[in-house]
N, C-alpha and C. Protein backbone atom coordinates (compact mmCIF):
# COMPACT_ATOMS: atom_id res chain seq x y z
N MET A 1 0.84 -1.19 0.00
CA MET A 1 0.00 0.00 0.00
C MET A 1 0.88 1.25 0.00
N ALA A 2 0.45 2.28 -0.70
CA ALA A 2 1.21 3.52 -0.83
C ALA A 2 0.96 4.46 0.35
N PHE A 3 1.95 5.28 0.60
CA PHE A 3 1.86 6.36 1.58
C PHE A 3 2.20 7.66 0.87
N TYR A 4 1.65 8.75 1.35
CA TYR A 4 1.77 10.03 0.65
C TYR A 4 2.31 11.12 1.56
N THR A 5 3.10 12.00 0.97
CA THR A 5 3.42 13.29 1.55
C THR A 5 2.64 14.28 0.68
N TYR A 6 1.95 15.23 1.32
CA TYR A 6 1.08 16.11 0.55
C TYR A 6 1.18 17.55 1.03
N ILE A 7 0.78 18.46 0.15
CA ILE A 7 0.71 19.87 0.49
C ILE A 7 -0.68 20.37 0.13
N LEU A 8 -1.32 20.98 1.12
CA LEU A 8 -2.63 21.58 0.93
C LEU A 8 -2.48 23.10 0.96
N PHE A 9 -3.46 23.79 0.37
CA PHE A 9 -3.46 25.26 0.40
C PHE A 9 -4.83 25.76 0.82
N SER A 10 -4.84 26.76 1.69
CA SER A 10 -6.07 27.42 2.11
C SER A 10 -6.04 28.85 1.58
N GLU A 11 -6.93 29.14 0.66
CA GLU A 11 -7.02 30.51 0.13
C GLU A 11 -7.50 31.46 1.21
N LYS A 12 -8.32 30.97 2.11
CA LYS A 12 -8.89 31.77 3.20
C LYS A 12 -7.80 32.46 4.03
N ILE A 13 -6.74 31.73 4.34
CA ILE A 13 -5.65 32.30 5.14
C ILE A 13 -4.34 32.42 4.35
N ASN A 14 -4.37 32.04 3.07
CA ASN A 14 -3.20 32.14 2.19
C ASN A 14 -2.00 31.40 2.77
N LYS A 15 -2.25 30.15 3.22
CA LYS A 15 -1.18 29.34 3.80
C LYS A 15 -1.21 27.92 3.27
N TYR A 16 -0.03 27.29 3.38
CA TYR A 16 0.13 25.89 3.00
C TYR A 16 0.18 25.02 4.25
N TYR A 17 -0.20 23.77 4.08
CA TYR A 17 -0.11 22.78 5.14
C TYR A 17 0.56 21.55 4.55
N VAL A 18 1.57 21.01 5.24
CA VAL A 18 2.30 19.83 4.78
C VAL A 18 1.99 18.68 5.72
N GLY A 19 1.67 17.51 5.15
CA GLY A 19 1.36 16.35 5.96
C GLY A 19 1.71 15.06 5.25
N SER A 20 1.44 13.94 5.92
CA SER A 20 1.63 12.63 5.30
C SER A 20 0.53 11.70 5.80
N CYS A 21 0.22 10.69 4.98
CA CYS A 21 -0.89 9.79 5.31
C CYS A 21 -0.86 8.56 4.41
N ARG A 22 -1.79 7.65 4.66
CA ARG A 22 -1.94 6.46 3.83
C ARG A 22 -3.02 6.67 2.76
N ASP A 23 -4.18 7.21 3.16
CA ASP A 23 -5.31 7.39 2.24
C ASP A 23 -5.51 8.88 2.01
N ILE A 24 -5.00 9.37 0.89
CA ILE A 24 -4.99 10.81 0.62
C ILE A 24 -6.40 11.38 0.50
N ASP A 25 -7.31 10.66 -0.15
CA ASP A 25 -8.67 11.18 -0.32
C ASP A 25 -9.38 11.33 1.02
N ASP A 26 -9.26 10.31 1.86
CA ASP A 26 -9.88 10.37 3.19
C ASP A 26 -9.25 11.48 4.02
N ARG A 27 -7.96 11.64 3.92
CA ARG A 27 -7.27 12.66 4.72
C ARG A 27 -7.72 14.06 4.35
N ILE A 28 -7.87 14.34 3.07
CA ILE A 28 -8.34 15.66 2.65
C ILE A 28 -9.76 15.90 3.14
N LYS A 29 -10.60 14.88 3.03
CA LYS A 29 -11.98 15.01 3.54
C LYS A 29 -11.97 15.33 5.03
N ARG A 30 -11.09 14.66 5.77
CA ARG A 30 -11.01 14.90 7.22
C ARG A 30 -10.50 16.32 7.52
N HIS A 31 -9.54 16.80 6.76
CA HIS A 31 -9.06 18.18 6.94
C HIS A 31 -10.22 19.15 6.71
N ASN A 32 -10.95 18.95 5.63
CA ASN A 32 -12.03 19.87 5.29
C ASN A 32 -13.28 19.72 6.16
N ALA A 33 -13.39 18.60 6.87
CA ALA A 33 -14.52 18.39 7.79
C ALA A 33 -14.20 18.88 9.20
N GLY A 34 -12.98 19.36 9.41
CA GLY A 34 -12.63 19.92 10.71
C GLY A 34 -12.09 18.94 11.72
N TYR A 35 -11.62 17.76 11.28
CA TYR A 35 -11.09 16.76 12.21
C TYR A 35 -9.66 17.03 12.65
N SER A 36 -8.98 17.93 11.99
CA SER A 36 -7.60 18.24 12.35
C SER A 36 -7.55 19.62 13.01
N LYS A 37 -7.00 19.68 14.22
CA LYS A 37 -6.92 20.95 14.96
C LYS A 37 -6.24 22.05 14.15
N SER A 38 -5.16 21.68 13.48
CA SER A 38 -4.35 22.70 12.81
C SER A 38 -4.96 23.20 11.50
N THR A 39 -5.98 22.55 10.99
CA THR A 39 -6.55 23.00 9.71
C THR A 39 -8.04 23.31 9.77
N LYS A 40 -8.71 23.05 10.88
CA LYS A 40 -10.17 23.14 10.89
C LYS A 40 -10.71 24.55 10.72
N VAL A 41 -9.98 25.58 11.12
CA VAL A 41 -10.50 26.94 11.00
C VAL A 41 -10.27 27.56 9.62
N SER A 42 -9.58 26.86 8.76
CA SER A 42 -9.16 27.45 7.49
C SER A 42 -9.68 26.73 6.26
N THR A 43 -10.80 26.05 6.38
CA THR A 43 -11.34 25.31 5.25
C THR A 43 -11.91 26.29 4.23
N PRO A 44 -11.97 25.93 2.98
CA PRO A 44 -11.59 24.63 2.42
C PRO A 44 -10.10 24.57 2.08
N TRP A 45 -9.56 23.37 2.20
CA TRP A 45 -8.18 23.09 1.81
C TRP A 45 -8.19 22.40 0.44
N VAL A 46 -7.23 22.79 -0.39
CA VAL A 46 -7.13 22.24 -1.74
C VAL A 46 -5.79 21.53 -1.87
N LEU A 47 -5.82 20.32 -2.41
CA LEU A 47 -4.59 19.55 -2.61
C LEU A 47 -3.80 20.18 -3.74
N LYS A 48 -2.53 20.53 -3.46
CA LYS A 48 -1.67 21.16 -4.45
C LYS A 48 -0.52 20.27 -4.91
N TYR A 49 -0.14 19.27 -4.07
CA TYR A 49 1.08 18.51 -4.37
C TYR A 49 1.06 17.20 -3.60
N THR A 50 1.54 16.13 -4.24
CA THR A 50 1.72 14.85 -3.56
C THR A 50 2.99 14.17 -4.02
N GLU A 51 3.56 13.37 -3.14
CA GLU A 51 4.64 12.45 -3.46
C GLU A 51 4.22 11.10 -2.89
N VAL A 52 4.56 10.02 -3.60
CA VAL A 52 4.14 8.68 -3.20
C VAL A 52 5.36 7.89 -2.73
N PHE A 53 5.18 7.15 -1.61
CA PHE A 53 6.25 6.34 -1.04
C PHE A 53 5.73 4.95 -0.70
N GLU A 54 6.64 4.02 -0.56
CA GLU A 54 6.27 2.64 -0.23
C GLU A 54 6.03 2.44 1.26
N THR A 55 6.65 3.27 2.10
CA THR A 55 6.50 3.09 3.55
C THR A 55 6.07 4.39 4.22
N ARG A 56 5.43 4.24 5.38
CA ARG A 56 5.04 5.40 6.18
C ARG A 56 6.29 6.19 6.60
N THR A 57 7.36 5.47 6.93
CA THR A 57 8.59 6.12 7.37
C THR A 57 9.13 7.06 6.30
N GLU A 58 9.16 6.60 5.05
CA GLU A 58 9.65 7.44 3.96
C GLU A 58 8.79 8.69 3.80
N ALA A 59 7.48 8.52 3.86
CA ALA A 59 6.56 9.66 3.71
C ALA A 59 6.74 10.66 4.85
N THR A 60 6.92 10.16 6.06
CA THR A 60 7.10 11.03 7.22
C THR A 60 8.43 11.77 7.15
N ILE A 61 9.47 11.08 6.73
CA ILE A 61 10.78 11.72 6.58
C ILE A 61 10.69 12.86 5.56
N ARG A 62 10.02 12.62 4.45
CA ARG A 62 9.89 13.65 3.42
C ARG A 62 9.06 14.83 3.94
N GLU A 63 7.99 14.54 4.67
CA GLU A 63 7.16 15.60 5.27
C GLU A 63 8.04 16.50 6.15
N LEU A 64 8.86 15.88 7.00
CA LEU A 64 9.73 16.65 7.89
C LEU A 64 10.80 17.43 7.14
N GLU A 65 11.31 16.87 6.03
CA GLU A 65 12.29 17.60 5.20
C GLU A 65 11.68 18.90 4.69
N ILE A 66 10.46 18.80 4.19
CA ILE A 66 9.79 19.99 3.65
C ILE A 66 9.52 20.99 4.77
N LYS A 67 9.03 20.52 5.90
CA LYS A 67 8.73 21.42 7.02
C LYS A 67 9.98 22.09 7.57
N ARG A 68 11.09 21.37 7.63
CA ARG A 68 12.33 21.93 8.19
C ARG A 68 12.86 23.09 7.36
N LYS A 69 12.55 23.12 6.10
CA LYS A 69 13.02 24.22 5.24
C LYS A 69 12.34 25.53 5.62
N LYS A 70 11.14 25.46 6.20
CA LYS A 70 10.39 26.65 6.62
C LYS A 70 10.37 27.69 5.51
N SER A 71 10.09 27.23 4.30
CA SER A 71 10.18 28.11 3.15
C SER A 71 8.95 28.00 2.26
N ARG A 72 8.19 29.06 2.21
CA ARG A 72 7.05 29.12 1.30
C ARG A 72 7.54 29.07 -0.15
N LYS A 73 8.68 29.71 -0.39
CA LYS A 73 9.25 29.73 -1.73
C LYS A 73 9.57 28.30 -2.20
N TYR A 74 10.12 27.48 -1.32
CA TYR A 74 10.44 26.09 -1.65
C TYR A 74 9.16 25.30 -1.94
N ILE A 75 8.14 25.48 -1.11
CA ILE A 75 6.87 24.79 -1.33
C ILE A 75 6.27 25.19 -2.67
N GLU A 76 6.29 26.47 -2.98
CA GLU A 76 5.74 26.92 -4.26
C GLU A 76 6.57 26.41 -5.44
N TRP A 77 7.88 26.27 -5.24
CA TRP A 77 8.73 25.69 -6.28
C TRP A 77 8.35 24.21 -6.50
N LEU A 78 8.16 23.47 -5.42
CA LEU A 78 7.74 22.06 -5.53
C LEU A 78 6.45 21.95 -6.33
N ILE A 79 5.47 22.75 -5.98
CA ILE A 79 4.17 22.72 -6.64
C ILE A 79 4.31 23.06 -8.12
N SER A 80 5.08 24.07 -8.43
CA SER A 80 5.23 24.48 -9.83
C SER A 80 6.06 23.51 -10.65
N SER A 81 6.92 22.74 -9.99
CA SER A 81 7.79 21.81 -10.72
C SER A 81 7.07 20.54 -11.17
N THR A 82 5.84 20.33 -10.70
CA THR A 82 5.10 19.13 -11.09
C THR A 82 4.32 19.32 -12.37
N GLY A 83 4.43 20.50 -12.96
CA GLY A 83 3.87 20.72 -14.28
C GLY A 83 2.45 21.06 -14.32
């Protein structure tokens, strides 16, 4: 089964959210339904970017790599580089 690192965007607050999960469709639904503390006040969230991995560990490591950069410019570069 695949695991994902993903980036969501909220136009309401003009911010990105980086996360990882197993079921990307369910996770986005849960973000937009208010199940996540860090995203519930800023719905709707739109999926902007995903990467697929074979293990949860790989997806989590990649999520942390993106977060450690603390760079909106880097996130926007990732999104634009996917064509």
